[in-house]
């Protein structure tokens, strides 16, 4: 049984890695955004922190999983629950380019998203990225508690090597 938590800021490659690892390892993967928010008709509704943890615990009871998302207070339990934590930390310049590229793809309907892809969201993604960099020291301090099960990836070369690793 494997439990992998992939954490990183916007446009760090979390979803891409989760999809690839999930397919390679034949493990279900979950976007934490879809645990925080659920869809009702054409509306996204935010679950309470307790409801989020309840959904996570339901998934955990089923066995192996891969969960990916940003660092949120409401699901910090994943740091303890995971066998492996993967922190995706590409350079800031690369994340900024990816944010804009993603926005363009969404506006051109090349890539789908579960949120409204507008200028307000684009600005929020850049704000979240800046906030992450400002608060990086606190994040790194929390992450250091789990160094014994942490893999840090900063470039695509190591990212591709990870997919071929045997986690079992």
C-alpha atoms as a PDB file:
ATOM      1  CA  UNK A   1       0.000   0.000   0.000  1.00  0.00           C
ATOM      2  CA  UNK A   2       1.322   3.450  -0.958  1.00  0.00           C
ATOM      3  CA  UNK A   3       0.187   6.881   0.145  1.00  0.00           C
ATOM      4  CA  UNK A   4       1.830   9.774  -1.664  1.00  0.00           C
ATOM      5  CA  UNK A   5       1.216  13.458  -1.021  1.00  0.00           C
ATOM      6  CA  UNK A   6       2.412  15.774  -3.797  1.00  0.00           C
ATOM      7  CA  UNK A   7       2.611  19.369  -2.607  1.00  0.00           C
ATOM      8  CA  UNK A   8       3.617  22.550  -4.378  1.00  0.00           C
ATOM      9  CA  UNK A   9       2.394  25.959  -5.368  1.00  0.00           C
ATOM     10  CA  UNK A  10       0.357  26.837  -8.459  1.00  0.00           C
ATOM     11  CA  UNK A  11       1.922  25.619 -11.740  1.00  0.00           C
ATOM     12  CA  UNK A  12       4.591  23.494 -10.085  1.00  0.00           C
ATOM     13  CA  UNK A  13       3.509  20.346 -11.961  1.00  0.00           C
ATOM     14  CA  UNK A  14       1.522  18.573  -9.242  1.00  0.00           C
ATOM     15  CA  UNK A  15      -1.341  17.357 -11.424  1.00  0.00           C
ATOM     16  CA  UNK A  16       0.960  16.203 -14.216  1.00  0.00           C
ATOM     17  CA  UNK A  17       3.070  14.187 -11.781  1.00  0.00           C
ATOM     18  CA  UNK A  18       0.023  12.760  -9.983  1.00  0.00           C
ATOM     19  CA  UNK A  19      -1.488  11.570 -13.273  1.00  0.00           C
ATOM     20  CA  UNK A  20       1.770   9.968 -14.394  1.00  0.00           C
ATOM     21  CA  UNK A  21       2.509   8.283 -11.060  1.00  0.00           C
ATOM     22  CA  UNK A  22      -1.095   7.141 -10.746  1.00  0.00           C
ATOM     23  CA  UNK A  23      -1.003   5.510 -14.182  1.00  0.00           C
ATOM     24  CA  UNK A  24       2.431   3.967 -13.616  1.00  0.00           C
ATOM     25  CA  UNK A  25       1.604   2.631 -10.146  1.00  0.00           C
ATOM     26  CA  UNK A  26      -2.085   1.895 -10.838  1.00  0.00           C
ATOM     27  CA  UNK A  27      -3.137   4.051  -7.879  1.00  0.00           C
ATOM     28  CA  UNK A  28      -6.048   6.494  -7.789  1.00  0.00           C
ATOM     29  CA  UNK A  29      -4.990  10.100  -7.588  1.00  0.00           C
ATOM     30  CA  UNK A  30      -6.977  13.021  -6.236  1.00  0.00           C
ATOM     31  CA  UNK A  31      -6.771  16.763  -6.748  1.00  0.00           C
ATOM     32  CA  UNK A  32      -7.229  18.357  -3.361  1.00  0.00           C
ATOM     33  CA  UNK A  33      -9.080  21.239  -5.040  1.00  0.00           C
ATOM     34  CA  UNK A  34     -11.898  18.769  -5.765  1.00  0.00           C
ATOM     35  CA  UNK A  35     -11.910  17.803  -2.087  1.00  0.00           C
ATOM     36  CA  UNK A  36     -12.021  21.442  -0.968  1.00  0.00           C
ATOM     37  CA  UNK A  37     -14.675  22.287  -3.586  1.00  0.00           C
ATOM     38  CA  UNK A  38     -17.450  20.174  -5.047  1.00  0.00           C
ATOM     39  CA  UNK A  39     -19.635  20.880  -8.038  1.00  0.00           C
ATOM     40  CA  UNK A  40     -23.405  21.336  -7.807  1.00  0.00           C
ATOM     41  CA  UNK A  41     -24.831  22.140 -11.205  1.00  0.00           C
ATOM     42  CA  UNK A  42     -22.873  25.152 -12.394  1.00  0.00           C
ATOM     43  CA  UNK A  43     -21.659  26.206  -8.931  1.00  0.00           C
ATOM     44  CA  UNK A  44     -18.540  25.305  -6.972  1.00  0.00           C
ATOM     45  CA  UNK A  45     -19.245  24.939  -3.267  1.00  0.00           C
ATOM     46  CA  UNK A  46     -16.516  24.989  -0.634  1.00  0.00           C
ATOM     47  CA  UNK A  47     -16.525  22.261   1.995  1.00  0.00           C
ATOM     48  CA  UNK A  48     -15.750  23.165   5.592  1.00  0.00           C
ATOM     49  CA  UNK A  49     -12.322  22.092   6.906  1.00  0.00           C
ATOM     50  CA  UNK A  50     -14.009  19.267   8.860  1.00  0.00           C
ATOM     51  CA  UNK A  51     -15.827  18.064   5.742  1.00  0.00           C
ATOM     52  CA  UNK A  52     -12.545  18.130   3.815  1.00  0.00           C
ATOM     53  CA  UNK A  53     -10.847  15.945   6.426  1.00  0.00           C
ATOM     54  CA  UNK A  54     -13.841  13.593   6.376  1.00  0.00           C
ATOM     55  CA  UNK A  55     -13.481  13.123   2.590  1.00  0.00           C
ATOM     56  CA  UNK A  56      -9.717  12.560   2.998  1.00  0.00           C
ATOM     57  CA  UNK A  57     -10.317   9.949   5.705  1.00  0.00           C
ATOM     58  CA  UNK A  58     -12.848   8.150   3.480  1.00  0.00           C
ATOM     59  CA  UNK A  59     -10.254   7.988   0.686  1.00  0.00           C
ATOM     60  CA  UNK A  60      -7.562   6.854   3.134  1.00  0.00           C
ATOM     61  CA  UNK A  61      -9.684   3.933   4.366  1.00  0.00           C
ATOM     62  CA  UNK A  62      -9.784   2.557   0.800  1.00  0.00           C
ATOM     63  CA  UNK A  63      -6.014   1.962   0.716  1.00  0.00           C
ATOM     64  CA  UNK A  64      -3.369   3.403  -1.590  1.00  0.00           C
ATOM     65  CA  UNK A  65      -3.694   6.947  -2.903  1.00  0.00           C
ATOM     66  CA  UNK A  66      -1.915   9.891  -4.432  1.00  0.00           C
ATOM     67  CA  UNK A  67      -3.155  13.331  -3.403  1.00  0.00           C
ATOM     68  CA  UNK A  68      -1.888  16.568  -4.866  1.00  0.00           C
ATOM     69  CA  UNK A  69      -2.411  20.158  -3.878  1.00  0.00           C
ATOM     70  CA  UNK A  70      -1.058  23.291  -2.324  1.00  0.00           C
ATOM     71  CA  UNK A  71      -0.260  23.592   1.371  1.00  0.00           C
ATOM     72  CA  UNK A  72      -3.523  24.285   3.216  1.00  0.00           C
ATOM     73  CA  UNK A  73      -4.182  24.222   6.928  1.00  0.00           C
ATOM     74  CA  UNK A  74      -7.329  22.133   6.388  1.00  0.00           C
ATOM     75  CA  UNK A  75      -5.475  19.100   5.066  1.00  0.00           C
ATOM     76  CA  UNK A  76      -2.108  19.220   6.802  1.00  0.00           C
ATOM     77  CA  UNK A  77      -3.023  15.781   8.170  1.00  0.00           C
ATOM     78  CA  UNK A  78      -1.738  14.454   4.830  1.00  0.00           C
ATOM     79  CA  UNK A  79       1.854  15.121   5.884  1.00  0.00           C
ATOM     80  CA  UNK A  80       1.422  12.541   8.657  1.00  0.00           C
ATOM     81  CA  UNK A  81      -0.716  10.125   6.633  1.00  0.00           C
ATOM     82  CA  UNK A  82       1.556   9.950   3.583  1.00  0.00           C
ATOM     83  CA  UNK A  83       4.364   7.402   3.240  1.00  0.00           C
ATOM     84  CA  UNK A  84       6.070   9.750   0.778  1.00  0.00           C
ATOM     85  CA  UNK A  85       5.828  13.518   0.397  1.00  0.00           C
ATOM     86  CA  UNK A  86       6.932  14.993  -2.900  1.00  0.00           C
ATOM     87  CA  UNK A  87       7.532  18.735  -2.882  1.00  0.00           C
ATOM     88  CA  UNK A  88       7.556  20.145  -6.406  1.00  0.00           C
ATOM     89  CA  UNK A  89       9.584  23.336  -6.382  1.00  0.00           C
ATOM     90  CA  UNK A  90      10.507  24.512  -9.884  1.00  0.00           C
ATOM     91  CA  UNK A  91      12.063  27.981 -10.210  1.00  0.00           C
ATOM     92  CA  UNK A  92       9.759  30.969  -9.782  1.00  0.00           C
ATOM     93  CA  UNK A  93      10.309  32.158 -13.369  1.00  0.00           C
ATOM     94  CA  UNK A  94       9.153  28.779 -14.694  1.00  0.00           C
ATOM     95  CA  UNK A  95       6.005  28.796 -12.549  1.00  0.00           C
ATOM     96  CA  UNK A  96       5.131  32.295 -13.730  1.00  0.00           C
ATOM     97  CA  UNK A  97       5.421  31.228 -17.369  1.00  0.00           C
ATOM     98  CA  UNK A  98       3.333  28.114 -16.697  1.00  0.00           C
ATOM     99  CA  UNK A  99       0.585  30.187 -15.050  1.00  0.00           C
ATOM    100  CA  UNK A 100       0.293  32.417 -18.097  1.00  0.00           C
ATOM    101  CA  UNK A 101       0.546  29.510 -20.536  1.00  0.00           C
ATOM    102  CA  UNK A 102      -2.192  27.649 -18.655  1.00  0.00           C
ATOM    103  CA  UNK A 103      -4.397  30.733 -18.703  1.00  0.00           C
ATOM    104  CA  UNK A 104      -3.997  31.066 -22.478  1.00  0.00           C
ATOM    105  CA  UNK A 105      -4.753  27.374 -23.040  1.00  0.00           C
ATOM    106  CA  UNK A 106      -7.885  27.667 -20.922  1.00  0.00           C
ATOM    107  CA  UNK A 107      -9.070  30.789 -22.739  1.00  0.00           C
ATOM    108  CA  UNK A 108      -8.499  29.027 -26.081  1.00  0.00           C
ATOM    109  CA  UNK A 109     -10.364  25.940 -24.772  1.00  0.00           C
ATOM    110  CA  UNK A 110      -7.283  23.757 -25.264  1.00  0.00           C
ATOM    111  CA  UNK A 111      -7.205  22.941 -21.549  1.00  0.00           C
ATOM    112  CA  UNK A 112     -10.179  22.595 -19.222  1.00  0.00           C
ATOM    113  CA  UNK A 113     -10.427  23.841 -15.657  1.00  0.00           C
ATOM    114  CA  UNK A 114     -12.906  23.623 -12.807  1.00  0.00           C
ATOM    115  CA  UNK A 115     -12.853  27.359 -12.095  1.00  0.00           C
ATOM    116  CA  UNK A 116     -13.635  30.474 -14.082  1.00  0.00           C
ATOM    117  CA  UNK A 117     -10.526  31.236 -16.165  1.00  0.00           C
ATOM    118  CA  UNK A 118     -10.617  35.013 -16.182  1.00  0.00           C
ATOM    119  CA  UNK A 119      -8.227  37.860 -15.425  1.00  0.00           C
ATOM    120  CA  UNK A 120      -9.246  37.866 -11.762  1.00  0.00           C
ATOM    121  CA  UNK A 121      -8.204  34.217 -11.429  1.00  0.00           C
ATOM    122  CA  UNK A 122      -4.965  34.870 -13.321  1.00  0.00           C
ATOM    123  CA  UNK A 123      -4.146  37.675 -10.872  1.00  0.00           C
ATOM    124  CA  UNK A 124      -4.986  35.383  -7.934  1.00  0.00           C
ATOM    125  CA  UNK A 125      -2.610  32.706  -9.206  1.00  0.00           C
ATOM    126  CA  UNK A 126       0.210  35.235  -9.396  1.00  0.00           C
ATOM    127  CA  UNK A 127      -0.738  36.507  -5.925  1.00  0.00           C
ATOM    128  CA  UNK A 128      -0.715  32.983  -4.466  1.00  0.00           C
ATOM    129  CA  UNK A 129       2.702  32.432  -6.010  1.00  0.00           C
ATOM    130  CA  UNK A 130       4.040  35.667  -4.489  1.00  0.00           C
ATOM    131  CA  UNK A 131       2.462  34.861  -1.112  1.00  0.00           C
ATOM    132  CA  UNK A 132       4.057  31.418  -1.169  1.00  0.00           C
ATOM    133  CA  UNK A 133       7.491  32.942  -1.758  1.00  0.00           C
ATOM    134  CA  UNK A 134       6.942  35.444   1.101  1.00  0.00           C
ATOM    135  CA  UNK A 135       5.865  32.635   3.446  1.00  0.00           C
ATOM    136  CA  UNK A 136       8.347  30.059   2.156  1.00  0.00           C
ATOM    137  CA  UNK A 137      10.371  30.026   5.375  1.00  0.00           C
ATOM    138  CA  UNK A 138       7.358  28.907   7.439  1.00  0.00           C
ATOM    139  CA  UNK A 139       6.400  26.304   4.834  1.00  0.00           C
ATOM    140  CA  UNK A 140       9.962  24.945   4.743  1.00  0.00           C
ATOM    141  CA  UNK A 141      10.044  24.759   8.556  1.00  0.00           C
ATOM    142  CA  UNK A 142       6.867  22.661   8.578  1.00  0.00           C
ATOM    143  CA  UNK A 143       8.138  20.502   5.720  1.00  0.00           C
ATOM    144  CA  UNK A 144      11.430  19.841   7.521  1.00  0.00           C
ATOM    145  CA  UNK A 145       9.513  17.818  10.122  1.00  0.00           C
ATOM    146  CA  UNK A 146       9.022  15.207   7.395  1.00  0.00           C
ATOM    147  CA  UNK A 147      12.515  15.098   5.863  1.00  0.00           C
ATOM    148  CA  UNK A 148      12.617  11.330   6.453  1.00  0.00           C
ATOM    149  CA  UNK A 149       9.904  10.827   3.818  1.00  0.00           C
ATOM    150  CA  UNK A 150      10.422  13.901   1.639  1.00  0.00           C
ATOM    151  CA  UNK A 151      11.472  14.023  -2.004  1.00  0.00           C
ATOM    152  CA  UNK A 152      12.156  17.512  -3.349  1.00  0.00           C
ATOM    153  CA  UNK A 153      12.038  18.055  -7.108  1.00  0.00           C
ATOM    154  CA  UNK A 154      13.164  21.260  -8.767  1.00  0.00           C
ATOM    155  CA  UNK A 155      13.619  20.271 -12.388  1.00  0.00           C
ATOM    156  CA  UNK A 156      11.988  18.133 -15.046  1.00  0.00           C
ATOM    157  CA  UNK A 157      14.967  15.813 -15.333  1.00  0.00           C
ATOM    158  CA  UNK A 158      14.586  14.527 -11.770  1.00  0.00           C
ATOM    159  CA  UNK A 159      10.812  14.683 -12.196  1.00  0.00           C
ATOM    160  CA  UNK A 160      11.023  12.159 -15.045  1.00  0.00           C
ATOM    161  CA  UNK A 161      13.358   9.907 -13.008  1.00  0.00           C
ATOM    162  CA  UNK A 162      10.802   9.817 -10.198  1.00  0.00           C
ATOM    163  CA  UNK A 163       8.185   8.247 -12.450  1.00  0.00           C
ATOM    164  CA  UNK A 164      10.428   5.219 -12.982  1.00  0.00           C
ATOM    165  CA  UNK A 165      11.239   4.805  -9.261  1.00  0.00           C
ATOM    166  CA  UNK A 166       9.794   1.792  -7.537  1.00  0.00           C
ATOM    167  CA  UNK A 167       7.776   3.085  -4.566  1.00  0.00           C
ATOM    168  CA  UNK A 168       6.546  -0.366  -3.555  1.00  0.00           C
END
